[in-house]
Protein backbone atom coordinates (compact mmCIF):
# COMPACT_ATOMS: atom_id res chain seq x y z
CA UNK A 1 -20.79 48.21 -3.89
CA UNK A 2 -22.72 46.86 -6.69
CA UNK A 3 -21.25 49.60 -8.90
CA UNK A 4 -17.99 48.46 -7.76
CA UNK A 5 -18.51 44.87 -8.68
CA UNK A 6 -19.85 46.11 -12.20
CA UNK A 7 -16.92 47.44 -12.98
CA UNK A 8 -14.71 44.43 -11.66
CA UNK A 9 -16.90 42.19 -13.94
CA UNK A 10 -16.57 44.49 -17.23
CA UNK A 11 -12.98 44.28 -16.40
CA UNK A 12 -12.80 40.65 -16.41
CA UNK A 13 -15.32 40.36 -19.23
CA UNK A 14 -13.45 42.43 -21.67
CA UNK A 15 -9.38 41.82 -20.51
CA UNK A 16 -9.41 38.57 -22.59
CA UNK A 17 -10.78 40.16 -25.85
CA UNK A 18 -8.68 43.53 -25.59
CA UNK A 19 -5.47 41.06 -25.32
CA UNK A 20 -7.08 38.72 -27.86
CA UNK A 21 -7.33 41.68 -30.54
CA UNK A 22 -4.43 43.06 -29.58
CA UNK A 23 -2.18 39.66 -29.91
CA UNK A 24 -4.24 39.67 -33.34
CA UNK A 25 -2.93 42.78 -34.70
CA UNK A 26 0.39 41.45 -33.78
CA UNK A 27 -0.10 38.06 -35.51
CA UNK A 28 -2.00 39.23 -38.66
CA UNK A 29 -1.13 36.92 -40.99
CA UNK A 30 -0.59 33.92 -38.76
CA UNK A 31 -4.36 34.96 -37.81
CA UNK A 32 -5.36 35.12 -41.16
CA UNK A 33 -4.49 31.60 -42.22
CA UNK A 34 -5.89 29.98 -39.30
CA UNK A 35 -9.13 31.69 -40.05
CA UNK A 36 -8.45 30.05 -43.77
CA UNK A 37 -7.90 26.84 -41.80
CA UNK A 38 -11.26 27.21 -40.41
CA UNK A 39 -13.01 27.85 -43.56
CA UNK A 40 -13.67 31.10 -42.86
CA UNK A 41 -12.39 34.09 -45.22
CA UNK A 42 -9.08 35.64 -44.41
CA UNK A 43 -10.95 39.49 -44.85
CA UNK A 44 -12.97 38.25 -41.50
CA UNK A 45 -9.91 39.81 -39.40
CA UNK A 46 -10.38 42.91 -39.17
CA UNK A 47 -14.04 42.50 -38.20
CA UNK A 48 -12.91 40.01 -35.77
CA UNK A 49 -10.06 42.18 -34.24
CA UNK A 50 -12.82 45.34 -34.27
CA UNK A 51 -14.90 43.19 -32.29
CA UNK A 52 -12.34 42.01 -29.67
CA UNK A 53 -10.51 44.92 -29.42
CA UNK A 54 -13.38 47.77 -29.76
CA UNK A 55 -15.91 45.61 -28.04
CA UNK A 56 -13.30 45.11 -25.38
CA UNK A 57 -12.80 48.63 -24.80
CA UNK A 58 -15.97 49.62 -25.12
CA UNK A 59 -17.22 47.13 -22.07
CA UNK A 60 -14.58 47.95 -20.19
CA UNK A 61 -15.33 51.62 -19.76
CA UNK A 62 -19.08 51.47 -20.10
CA UNK A 63 -19.31 53.44 -23.56
CA UNK A 64 -22.35 51.96 -25.53
CA UNK A 65 -21.94 48.48 -23.17
CA UNK A 66 -25.46 47.00 -24.06
CA UNK A 67 -24.69 47.38 -27.39
CA UNK A 68 -20.97 46.03 -27.43
CA UNK A 69 -21.96 43.09 -24.79
CA UNK A 70 -24.52 42.07 -27.77
CA UNK A 71 -22.00 42.06 -30.14
CA UNK A 72 -19.33 40.04 -28.21
CA UNK A 73 -22.35 37.83 -26.69
CA UNK A 74 -23.05 36.76 -30.24
CA UNK A 75 -19.12 36.83 -31.07
CA UNK A 76 -18.64 34.29 -28.28
CA UNK A 77 -21.58 31.86 -29.91
CA UNK A 78 -19.99 32.46 -33.16
CA UNK A 79 -16.43 31.21 -32.00
CA UNK A 80 -17.40 28.50 -29.99
CA UNK A 81 -19.04 27.20 -33.12
CA UNK A 82 -16.54 27.52 -35.26
CA UNK A 83 -13.65 27.24 -33.33
CA UNK A 84 -14.51 25.04 -30.52
CA UNK A 85 -16.77 22.37 -31.83
CA UNK A 86 -14.92 19.20 -31.49
CA UNK A 87 -16.08 17.62 -28.98
CA UNK A 88 -13.68 14.60 -28.93
CA UNK A 89 -11.13 16.47 -27.91
CA UNK A 90 -11.52 17.57 -24.21
CA UNK A 91 -9.89 21.00 -24.13
CA UNK A 92 -11.89 21.98 -27.26
CA UNK A 93 -14.83 20.61 -25.34
CA UNK A 94 -13.90 22.68 -22.24
CA UNK A 95 -13.34 25.89 -24.91
CA UNK A 96 -16.36 25.69 -26.07
CA UNK A 97 -17.77 25.39 -22.58
CA UNK A 98 -15.88 28.76 -21.76
CA UNK A 99 -16.77 30.57 -24.39
CA UNK A 100 -21.11 30.25 -23.46
CA UNK A 101 -19.85 31.19 -20.17
CA UNK A 102 -18.55 33.97 -21.46
CA UNK A 103 -21.74 34.64 -23.59
CA UNK A 104 -23.77 34.51 -20.76
CA UNK A 105 -21.71 37.26 -18.71
CA UNK A 106 -22.50 39.52 -21.98
CA UNK A 107 -26.15 38.39 -21.98
CA UNK A 108 -26.33 39.65 -17.82
CA UNK A 109 -24.56 42.68 -18.95
CA UNK A 110 -26.83 43.52 -21.69
CA UNK A 111 -29.53 43.21 -19.35
CA UNK A 112 -28.42 44.84 -16.70
CA UNK A 113 -26.39 48.00 -17.73
CA UNK A 114 -22.82 48.63 -16.77
CA UNK A 115 -23.82 50.38 -13.36
CA UNK A 116 -22.61 54.14 -12.52
CA UNK A 117 -19.10 53.55 -12.97
CA UNK A 118 -19.40 54.21 -16.80
CA UNK A 119 -18.99 56.43 -19.59
CA UNK A 120 -23.02 55.62 -20.82
CA UNK A 121 -23.86 56.85 -17.13
CA UNK A 122 -22.08 60.00 -17.50
CA UNK A 123 -23.62 60.46 -20.64
CA UNK A 124 -27.23 59.86 -18.95
CA UNK A 125 -25.96 62.47 -16.26
CA UNK A 126 -24.98 64.80 -18.56
CA UNK A 127 -28.03 64.73 -20.73
CA UNK A 128 -30.25 65.25 -18.06
CA UNK A 129 -28.70 68.36 -17.11
CA UNK A 130 -29.04 69.87 -20.31
CA UNK A 131 -32.70 68.67 -20.12
CA UNK A 132 -33.18 70.84 -16.95
CA UNK A 133 -32.06 74.09 -18.36
C-alpha cells in the first residue's frame, strides 16, 4: 500500500509541473515577457521549462527522484519568492503558501525516495543482480 501511495503522491506533485512546463512551451514568448516583467532575464525560460517539464517527468516516473525532488524543492521556493511575494494580495499569499506546501512535499520525497514502483528501484534491482554474477 505504501508504494502505491508514493506513486499517487508523485503523480500529484509532478502533474502541475508537467502541465506548466508544457504550457510554457506553447506560450514561449508570453512567458518570457512575464519573466522580464518580474525582473528576471527571459533567457532563463529554457531552464524553467527544463525544471518543470524534465523534473516533473522524472518525479512521475521515479527517475533520479531524489535529485529531481531537490531541484523542484528549490524551484518552488524561488517561484514563491519571485512571483508570489506581494502579501497585500490575498491570491498571491495563497499561491506563496501553495508553493511552500509543494516544496515541503518535494523535501519529503527527497528524504524518503520514490518507493519500489519507480525507475530508480528498477535500476537498483538490476544493479544488484549484476553484482550477484
